Amino acid sequence: EQFFHQAGMTGQEQIRYFVERAGVQVKIEEVYQRKRVIWEKSSHAVPAIDCNVELLRMLRAANVPVAIASGSSRRTILPIMKQHGIEADAVVGADDVRRGKPHPDLFLCAARRLGISPQNCIVVEDSDVGIDAAKSAKMKAIRFYDNEGD
């Protein structure tokens, strides 16, 4: 539950959070690299959130600028987008900013790349830290809950 609450933080930020909570000493970069190896072996199994993909396609068809702003790295984001036929006008990942969500950096970078004022952006977000990041960026936000598995 805590992991999903933090969706949108960078991988290193999440690892650091859990290490501090557990009170253990680990090399965060080594754990992150191991996570990356495991991810690359299983990324083909990542399902799309169909209603979000449909929303993206509808917005693009209506010529509304769309950005993907994720706490994941571009190395992770781009293959998943390709796998599910997702297109965006801008893609921002953890490697494009210093801080992940709940900081506003990802969303502000996405707005800059789209050439749109943050006040004119609407964030569709599935995590609490993402909503906090949108608020910090002075953007409107819609909280998305994926209830398909319930």
Protein backbone atom coordinates (compact mmCIF):
# COMPACT_ATOMS: atom_id res chain seq x y z
CA GLU A 1 0.00 0.00 0.00
CA GLN A 2 2.82 2.40 0.87
CA PHE A 3 4.59 1.67 -2.43
CA PHE A 4 1.50 2.64 -4.44
CA HIS A 5 1.03 5.75 -2.30
CA GLN A 6 4.49 6.82 -3.47
CA ALA A 7 4.01 6.11 -7.17
CA GLY A 8 5.66 8.95 -9.05
CA MET A 9 8.72 9.23 -6.85
CA THR A 10 11.94 8.28 -8.58
CA GLY A 11 13.22 4.76 -8.04
CA GLN A 12 16.10 5.99 -5.90
CA GLU A 13 13.73 8.12 -3.80
CA GLN A 14 11.48 5.11 -3.17
CA ILE A 15 14.40 2.86 -2.24
CA ARG A 16 15.80 5.54 0.10
CA TYR A 17 12.36 5.87 1.75
CA PHE A 18 12.03 2.14 2.45
CA VAL A 19 15.66 1.79 3.58
CA GLU A 20 15.20 4.61 6.09
CA ARG A 21 11.92 3.10 7.35
CA ALA A 22 13.53 -0.33 7.74
CA GLY A 23 16.59 1.12 9.45
CA VAL A 24 18.99 -0.85 7.28
CA GLN A 25 22.17 0.10 5.46
CA VAL A 26 22.27 -0.65 1.72
CA LYS A 27 23.89 0.87 -1.32
CA ILE A 28 20.88 2.54 -2.92
CA GLU A 29 22.43 2.65 -6.39
CA GLU A 30 23.12 -1.11 -6.29
CA VAL A 31 19.53 -1.85 -5.28
CA TYR A 32 18.30 0.49 -8.02
CA GLN A 33 20.42 -1.25 -10.66
CA ARG A 34 19.11 -4.66 -9.51
CA LYS A 35 15.55 -3.32 -9.74
CA ARG A 36 16.31 -2.17 -13.29
CA VAL A 37 17.56 -5.65 -14.31
CA ILE A 38 14.42 -7.29 -12.90
CA TRP A 39 12.23 -4.67 -14.61
CA GLU A 40 13.82 -5.24 -18.01
CA LYS A 41 13.07 -8.96 -17.77
CA SER A 42 9.40 -8.38 -16.96
CA SER A 43 8.41 -5.10 -18.66
CA HIS A 44 6.58 -6.96 -21.45
CA ALA A 45 3.96 -8.01 -18.87
CA VAL A 46 2.95 -4.45 -17.93
CA PRO A 47 -0.72 -3.96 -18.83
CA ALA A 48 -2.09 -0.68 -20.12
CA ILE A 49 -4.70 1.21 -18.14
CA ASP A 50 -7.17 1.14 -21.02
CA CYS A 51 -9.27 4.15 -20.00
CA ASN A 52 -6.14 6.30 -19.66
CA VAL A 53 -4.84 5.22 -23.05
CA GLU A 54 -8.25 6.01 -24.55
CA LEU A 55 -8.24 9.45 -22.90
CA LEU A 56 -4.78 10.19 -24.29
CA ARG A 57 -5.86 9.18 -27.78
CA MET A 58 -9.02 11.30 -27.58
CA LEU A 59 -7.06 14.35 -26.43
CA ARG A 60 -4.48 13.96 -29.17
CA ALA A 61 -7.23 13.49 -31.78
CA ALA A 62 -8.70 16.80 -30.57
CA ASN A 63 -5.25 18.45 -30.93
CA VAL A 64 -4.90 18.96 -27.18
CA PRO A 65 -1.21 18.95 -26.19
CA VAL A 66 -0.42 15.91 -24.03
CA ALA A 67 2.61 15.09 -21.91
CA ILE A 68 3.60 12.00 -19.95
CA ALA A 69 5.34 12.99 -16.68
CA SER A 70 6.52 9.94 -14.76
CA GLY A 71 8.83 9.23 -11.87
CA SER A 72 10.21 6.36 -13.95
CA SER A 73 13.21 6.81 -16.22
CA ARG A 74 12.78 7.43 -19.96
CA ARG A 75 14.49 4.05 -20.43
CA THR A 76 11.46 2.54 -18.69
CA ILE A 77 8.75 4.83 -20.05
CA LEU A 78 9.49 4.78 -23.79
CA PRO A 79 9.32 0.98 -24.35
CA ILE A 80 6.00 0.79 -22.48
CA MET A 81 4.61 3.64 -24.57
CA LYS A 82 5.72 1.86 -27.74
CA GLN A 83 4.32 -1.47 -26.54
CA HIS A 84 0.87 0.06 -26.01
CA GLY A 85 0.89 2.51 -28.93
CA ILE A 86 0.90 5.56 -26.65
CA GLU A 87 1.98 8.86 -28.16
CA ALA A 88 2.57 12.18 -26.42
CA ASP A 89 3.84 15.61 -27.41
CA ALA A 90 6.33 15.54 -24.52
CA VAL A 91 7.73 12.84 -22.25
CA VAL A 92 9.39 13.71 -18.95
CA GLY A 93 11.02 11.13 -16.72
CA ALA A 94 13.10 10.90 -13.59
CA ASP A 95 16.27 11.45 -15.59
CA ASP A 96 14.99 14.87 -16.74
CA VAL A 97 14.63 16.38 -13.26
CA ARG A 98 16.44 16.47 -9.91
CA ARG A 99 13.43 15.55 -7.77
CA GLY A 100 10.41 13.33 -8.35
CA LYS A 101 6.92 13.69 -7.02
CA PRO A 102 5.68 15.17 -4.62
CA HIS A 103 7.94 17.95 -5.89
CA PRO A 104 6.52 19.81 -8.91
CA ASP A 105 9.63 19.38 -11.10
CA LEU A 106 8.24 16.68 -13.45
CA PHE A 107 5.05 18.61 -14.16
CA LEU A 108 6.77 21.97 -14.56
CA CYS A 109 9.25 20.43 -17.00
CA ALA A 110 6.36 18.89 -18.97
CA ALA A 111 4.57 22.26 -19.14
CA ARG A 112 7.78 23.95 -20.38
CA ARG A 113 8.25 21.30 -23.07
CA LEU A 114 4.65 21.77 -24.19
CA GLY A 115 5.03 25.55 -24.09
CA ILE A 116 2.01 25.89 -21.81
CA SER A 117 1.63 27.86 -18.59
CA PRO A 118 1.26 25.57 -15.55
CA GLN A 119 -2.02 27.30 -14.68
CA ASN A 120 -3.42 26.04 -17.99
CA CYS A 121 -2.46 22.40 -17.40
CA ILE A 122 -4.62 19.61 -16.04
CA VAL A 123 -2.87 16.63 -14.47
CA VAL A 124 -4.47 13.17 -14.52
CA GLU A 125 -2.80 11.38 -11.63
CA ASP A 126 -3.07 8.02 -9.86
CA SER A 127 -1.03 8.73 -6.73
CA ASP A 128 -1.22 10.94 -3.68
CA VAL A 129 2.29 12.27 -4.24
CA GLY A 130 1.34 13.10 -7.84
CA ILE A 131 -1.64 15.15 -6.66
CA ASP A 132 0.67 16.96 -4.22
CA ALA A 133 3.11 17.62 -7.09
CA ALA A 134 0.33 19.03 -9.29
CA LYS A 135 -0.80 21.34 -6.48
CA SER A 136 2.79 22.50 -5.94
CA ALA A 137 3.05 23.21 -9.67
CA LYS A 138 -0.15 25.31 -9.46
CA MET A 139 -1.88 22.94 -11.89
CA LYS A 140 -5.39 21.56 -11.78
CA ALA A 141 -5.49 17.85 -10.99
CA ILE A 142 -7.86 14.92 -11.45
CA ARG A 143 -7.25 11.94 -9.16
CA PHE A 144 -7.58 8.67 -11.07
CA TYR A 145 -8.34 5.39 -9.30
CA ASP A 146 -7.91 2.12 -11.17
CA ASN A 147 -10.75 0.04 -9.78
CA GLU A 148 -10.71 -2.60 -12.54
CA GLY A 149 -8.92 -5.11 -10.30
CA ASP A 150 -11.39 -4.69 -7.43
